[in-house]
Amino acid sequence: MSVEMTCADRNEVTAQHPQHPILQRANAVLESGAALNRLLDCMFPKSLALVDDDAEFTEYLAQYLSARSIQVEVFADSNDLLAHDTPYAYGFYVVDLMLPGIDGIDLIKLLRRRTDAGLLVVSGRLAPEVFNQVLGAGADMYLAKPVQFEQVALAIQAVQRRVAAASPANPPWRLDRRARQLVAPDGASVDLSPADMAVLECFVAAKGETVSRDTLRHQLGREGGHDAADGLNATVYRLRRRVARATQQPFPLQSKSRVGYQFRAPLQPV
């Protein structure tokens, strides 16, 4: 049986039948829905810089995100963002690649040197090398236009969960060498490939410091050339996807532009 009840209906029934089974069911649905909305809202950043020169796209995307309690500021030119009083103070960045001013890739590199905020690329640039350039510059995720606003919002939430975990006070992640698994703080286990193990062993040894791309490529046995960069980026991408499927715990692996990667939480071998 389908039950539809407004707040006014619920109040009226409450007064007449405080323990009515239908009322109890409706209360449970409304309360769980409210709790879910609060949880989802917490996954969004408080402020966001939207850097894109497509006026129609940015107008409607800004409205969509603002409805989710995000303070959105739009910049049609990358130089406008950099000329802002506090260009590196936003909680999140959504960036196009084909921009007036400095190129999107260069903007990502500059932002990543100054902020650890989440960074999502949404662009119509689809050349084969673009994916590697975007990740190599320090972006957290890439979406290709045309894209639905809901997909952008979900990507922002996914990245925000990841970067929100970057705090030394977080419970440790564990690398189970015998089982070849990464164990998240919530107990979820992620099966690891030999390449995953090689990369994570570097982060164990680094003890929270940034590991250079050259070091990671050497550990993977892929040194020099474009194929080496592709191999590292693909390994990191697959590892992030595998972790995201296994746990809601944000994965604290942060890309550092032109440098490497940092595991921004304790990583303990067992």
Protein backbone atom coordinates (compact mmCIF):
# COMPACT_ATOMS: atom_id res chain seq x y z
CA MET A 1 0.00 0.00 0.00
CA SER A 2 1.33 3.47 -0.93
CA VAL A 3 1.19 6.11 1.80
CA GLU A 4 1.41 9.82 0.97
CA MET A 5 1.28 12.26 3.88
CA THR A 6 2.02 15.96 4.15
CA CYS A 7 3.34 17.58 7.33
CA ALA A 8 -0.13 19.04 8.02
CA ASP A 9 -1.73 15.60 7.59
CA ARG A 10 0.82 14.10 9.94
CA ASN A 11 0.18 16.73 12.62
CA GLU A 12 -3.58 16.15 12.43
CA VAL A 13 -3.20 12.39 12.73
CA THR A 14 -0.71 12.83 15.57
CA ALA A 15 -3.25 14.72 17.62
CA GLN A 16 -5.91 12.06 17.07
CA HIS A 17 -3.87 8.85 17.00
CA PRO A 18 -0.37 9.36 18.43
CA GLN A 19 0.51 5.67 18.10
CA HIS A 20 -1.22 4.97 14.79
CA PRO A 21 0.88 2.43 12.74
CA ILE A 22 0.60 4.48 9.55
CA LEU A 23 1.77 7.57 11.43
CA GLN A 24 4.73 5.65 12.86
CA ARG A 25 5.66 4.50 9.38
CA ALA A 26 5.33 8.01 7.95
CA ASN A 27 7.41 9.47 10.79
CA ALA A 28 10.14 6.92 10.18
CA VAL A 29 10.23 7.67 6.44
CA LEU A 30 10.30 11.44 6.97
CA GLU A 31 12.97 11.26 9.67
CA SER A 32 15.19 8.90 7.68
CA GLY A 33 14.81 11.11 4.62
CA ALA A 34 15.76 14.19 6.61
CA ALA A 35 18.78 12.38 8.05
CA LEU A 36 19.86 11.31 4.55
CA ASN A 37 19.52 14.86 3.26
CA ARG A 38 21.65 16.16 6.14
CA LEU A 39 24.30 13.53 5.39
CA LEU A 40 24.34 14.36 1.68
CA ASP A 41 24.57 18.09 2.41
CA CYS A 42 27.63 17.43 4.58
CA MET A 43 29.35 15.86 1.58
CA PHE A 44 29.18 19.13 -0.36
CA PRO A 45 31.80 21.88 0.05
CA LYS A 46 30.67 25.18 1.53
CA SER A 47 32.14 27.26 -1.31
CA LEU A 48 32.99 26.51 -4.93
CA ALA A 49 34.72 28.35 -7.77
CA LEU A 50 33.22 27.50 -11.17
CA VAL A 51 35.72 28.42 -13.90
CA ASP A 52 34.15 28.11 -17.35
CA ASP A 53 33.40 30.58 -20.16
CA ASP A 54 30.16 28.88 -21.24
CA ALA A 55 27.68 31.41 -19.84
CA GLU A 56 24.57 29.25 -20.22
CA PHE A 57 26.20 26.16 -18.70
CA THR A 58 27.62 28.04 -15.71
CA GLU A 59 24.37 29.92 -15.04
CA TYR A 60 22.28 26.77 -14.72
CA LEU A 61 24.96 24.67 -13.01
CA ALA A 62 25.51 27.47 -10.46
CA GLN A 63 21.76 27.53 -9.74
CA TYR A 64 21.70 23.74 -9.37
CA LEU A 65 24.61 23.71 -6.93
CA SER A 66 23.38 26.76 -5.02
CA ALA A 67 20.15 24.88 -4.34
CA ARG A 68 22.33 22.38 -2.47
CA SER A 69 23.63 25.08 -0.11
CA ILE A 70 26.93 25.61 -1.94
CA GLN A 71 28.17 29.20 -2.30
CA VAL A 72 29.09 29.29 -5.99
CA GLU A 73 31.17 32.01 -7.63
CA VAL A 74 31.52 31.93 -11.42
CA PHE A 75 34.63 32.99 -13.34
CA ALA A 76 34.50 33.14 -17.14
CA ASP A 77 38.25 33.77 -17.39
CA SER A 78 40.97 32.00 -15.42
CA ASN A 79 42.74 35.33 -14.92
CA ASP A 80 39.61 36.64 -13.19
CA LEU A 81 39.90 33.87 -10.63
CA LEU A 82 43.59 34.54 -10.04
CA ALA A 83 42.93 38.28 -9.68
CA HIS A 84 40.34 37.60 -6.97
CA ASP A 85 41.24 38.65 -3.42
CA THR A 86 41.30 35.02 -2.21
CA PRO A 87 41.65 32.73 -5.25
CA TYR A 88 42.92 29.79 -3.20
CA ALA A 89 40.36 29.94 -0.39
CA TYR A 90 37.49 28.09 -2.07
CA GLY A 91 36.42 24.72 -0.73
CA PHE A 92 36.19 23.23 -4.22
CA TYR A 93 37.01 24.03 -7.87
CA VAL A 94 35.17 23.00 -11.05
CA VAL A 95 37.35 23.88 -14.04
CA ASP A 96 37.02 23.78 -17.82
CA LEU A 97 40.15 23.20 -19.90
CA MET A 98 39.55 25.61 -22.80
CA LEU A 99 39.58 28.98 -21.07
CA PRO A 100 40.39 32.61 -21.76
CA GLY A 101 43.46 33.55 -19.79
CA ILE A 102 45.85 30.79 -18.82
CA ASP A 103 45.06 27.29 -20.05
CA GLY A 104 42.99 24.97 -17.87
CA ILE A 105 45.87 22.53 -17.36
CA ASP A 106 48.18 25.33 -16.20
CA LEU A 107 45.45 26.65 -13.92
CA ILE A 108 45.08 23.23 -12.30
CA LYS A 109 48.84 23.05 -11.70
CA LEU A 110 48.83 26.50 -10.13
CA LEU A 111 45.86 25.73 -7.89
CA ARG A 112 47.34 22.45 -6.76
CA ARG A 113 50.51 24.20 -5.60
CA ARG A 114 48.46 26.47 -3.33
CA THR A 115 45.46 24.43 -2.17
CA ASP A 116 44.44 20.86 -1.37
CA ALA A 117 40.76 21.55 -2.13
CA GLY A 118 38.85 19.16 -4.37
CA LEU A 119 39.28 19.84 -8.08
CA LEU A 120 36.93 18.51 -10.75
CA VAL A 121 37.47 19.04 -14.48
CA VAL A 122 34.35 19.29 -16.66
CA SER A 123 35.34 19.82 -20.28
CA GLY A 124 34.50 19.02 -23.86
CA ARG A 125 38.14 18.39 -24.69
CA LEU A 126 38.30 14.69 -25.55
CA ALA A 127 41.75 14.10 -27.05
CA PRO A 128 43.30 10.77 -25.90
CA GLU A 129 46.11 12.44 -23.95
CA VAL A 130 43.79 14.80 -22.04
CA PHE A 131 42.92 12.31 -19.28
CA ASN A 132 46.59 11.82 -18.37
CA GLN A 133 47.29 15.54 -18.56
CA VAL A 134 44.42 16.33 -16.23
CA LEU A 135 45.39 13.77 -13.59
CA GLY A 136 49.06 14.60 -13.95
CA ALA A 137 48.33 18.27 -13.31
CA GLY A 138 46.64 17.41 -10.01
CA ALA A 139 42.89 17.19 -10.73
CA ASP A 140 40.89 14.68 -8.70
CA MET A 141 38.37 13.68 -11.37
CA TYR A 142 37.43 14.34 -15.00
CA LEU A 143 33.97 14.50 -16.59
CA ALA A 144 33.45 14.94 -20.33
CA LYS A 145 30.79 17.30 -21.67
CA PRO A 146 27.92 17.03 -22.36
CA VAL A 147 27.18 16.13 -18.75
CA GLN A 148 24.10 16.20 -16.53
CA PHE A 149 24.15 18.49 -13.50
CA GLU A 150 23.35 15.53 -11.26
CA GLN A 151 26.53 13.81 -12.48
CA VAL A 152 28.54 16.90 -11.59
CA ALA A 153 27.00 16.99 -8.11
CA LEU A 154 27.73 13.30 -7.54
CA ALA A 155 31.33 13.77 -8.68
CA ILE A 156 31.74 16.72 -6.29
CA GLN A 157 30.44 14.57 -3.43
CA ALA A 158 32.80 11.72 -4.32
CA VAL A 159 35.85 13.98 -4.43
CA GLN A 160 34.77 15.85 -1.29
CA ARG A 161 34.54 12.60 0.67
CA ARG A 162 38.09 11.80 -0.41
CA VAL A 163 39.68 15.13 0.48
CA ALA A 164 37.71 15.49 3.71
CA ALA A 165 39.61 12.53 5.13
CA ALA A 166 42.99 14.22 4.81
CA SER A 167 43.60 14.78 8.51
CA PRO A 168 46.26 13.22 10.79
CA ALA A 169 43.55 12.65 13.41
CA ASN A 170 41.81 10.12 11.16
CA PRO A 171 41.96 6.44 12.09
CA PRO A 172 44.71 4.63 10.21
CA TRP A 173 44.40 2.60 7.03
CA ARG A 174 46.12 -0.78 7.12
CA LEU A 175 48.06 -2.58 4.41
CA ASP A 176 47.65 -6.33 4.94
CA ARG A 177 50.69 -7.71 3.13
CA ARG A 178 49.81 -11.36 3.59
CA ALA A 179 46.21 -11.02 2.36
CA ARG A 180 47.21 -8.40 -0.23
CA GLN A 181 44.45 -6.10 0.94
CA LEU A 182 44.01 -2.47 1.92
CA VAL A 183 41.80 -2.21 5.02
CA ALA A 184 39.88 1.05 5.46
CA PRO A 185 39.23 2.59 8.90
CA ASP A 186 35.64 1.30 8.76
CA GLY A 187 36.92 -2.28 8.31
CA ALA A 188 36.17 -2.63 4.59
CA SER A 189 38.80 -4.64 2.70
CA VAL A 190 40.02 -3.86 -0.81
CA ASP A 191 41.75 -6.59 -2.81
CA LEU A 192 44.98 -5.30 -4.34
CA SER A 193 46.81 -6.07 -7.55
CA PRO A 194 50.63 -6.41 -7.56
CA ALA A 195 50.82 -2.87 -8.97
CA ASP A 196 48.59 -1.57 -6.16
CA MET A 197 50.80 -3.25 -3.58
CA ALA A 198 53.93 -1.76 -5.12
CA VAL A 199 52.48 1.76 -5.03
CA LEU A 200 51.12 1.45 -1.48
CA GLU A 201 54.46 0.12 -0.19
CA CYS A 202 55.96 3.42 -1.34
CA PHE A 203 53.46 5.34 0.80
CA VAL A 204 54.20 3.12 3.81
CA ALA A 205 57.89 3.93 3.47
CA ALA A 206 57.20 7.64 2.95
CA LYS A 207 55.35 7.96 6.30
CA GLY A 208 53.07 10.73 5.11
CA GLU A 209 55.55 12.53 2.88
CA THR A 210 54.95 13.06 -0.85
CA VAL A 211 56.26 10.28 -3.11
CA SER A 212 57.60 11.44 -6.46
CA ARG A 213 56.22 10.14 -9.73
CA ASP A 214 59.67 8.88 -10.68
CA THR A 215 59.82 6.81 -7.49
CA LEU A 216 56.39 5.32 -8.12
CA ARG A 217 57.22 4.54 -11.77
CA HIS A 218 60.46 2.86 -10.67
CA GLN A 219 58.52 0.76 -8.15
CA LEU A 220 56.15 -0.26 -10.94
CA GLY A 221 59.05 -1.11 -13.23
CA ARG A 222 57.97 1.53 -15.73
CA GLU A 223 60.58 4.23 -16.11
CA GLY A 224 60.76 6.95 -18.74
CA GLY A 225 58.51 7.84 -21.65
CA HIS A 226 54.81 8.46 -22.16
CA ASP A 227 53.87 4.83 -21.45
CA ALA A 228 55.34 5.09 -17.95
CA ALA A 229 53.14 8.09 -17.15
CA ASP A 230 50.09 6.29 -18.57
CA GLY A 231 50.84 3.22 -16.45
CA LEU A 232 51.10 5.19 -13.19
CA ASN A 233 47.97 7.24 -13.86
CA ALA A 234 46.00 4.13 -14.77
CA THR A 235 47.16 2.31 -11.63
CA VAL A 236 46.14 5.21 -9.37
CA TYR A 237 42.80 5.60 -11.17
CA ARG A 238 41.93 1.90 -10.82
CA LEU A 239 42.97 1.87 -7.16
CA ARG A 240 40.74 4.85 -6.39
CA ARG A 241 37.80 3.23 -8.18
CA ARG A 242 38.31 -0.03 -6.30
CA VAL A 243 38.40 1.75 -2.94
CA ALA A 244 35.31 3.82 -3.80
CA ARG A 245 33.34 0.65 -4.58
CA ALA A 246 34.36 -1.00 -1.31
CA THR A 247 33.82 1.77 1.25
CA GLN A 248 32.23 5.16 1.86
CA GLN A 249 35.42 6.15 3.69
CA PRO A 250 37.18 8.95 1.76
CA PHE A 251 40.41 7.73 0.17
CA PRO A 252 43.18 10.10 1.36
CA LEU A 253 45.41 9.84 -1.73
CA GLN A 254 46.23 13.38 -2.91
CA SER A 255 47.84 14.26 -6.23
CA LYS A 256 50.62 16.86 -6.08
CA SER A 257 51.09 18.73 -9.36
CA ARG A 258 54.37 17.91 -11.15
CA VAL A 259 55.61 16.16 -8.03
CA GLY A 260 53.80 12.95 -7.16
CA TYR A 261 51.25 11.67 -4.65
CA GLN A 262 50.77 11.89 -0.90
CA PHE A 263 48.83 9.45 1.30
CA ARG A 264 47.37 11.94 3.78
CA ALA A 265 46.42 9.55 6.57
CA PRO A 266 48.34 7.01 8.64
CA LEU A 267 49.08 3.85 6.61
CA GLN A 268 50.16 0.92 8.76
CA PRO A 269 51.59 -2.36 7.41
CA VAL A 270 50.33 -5.54 9.11
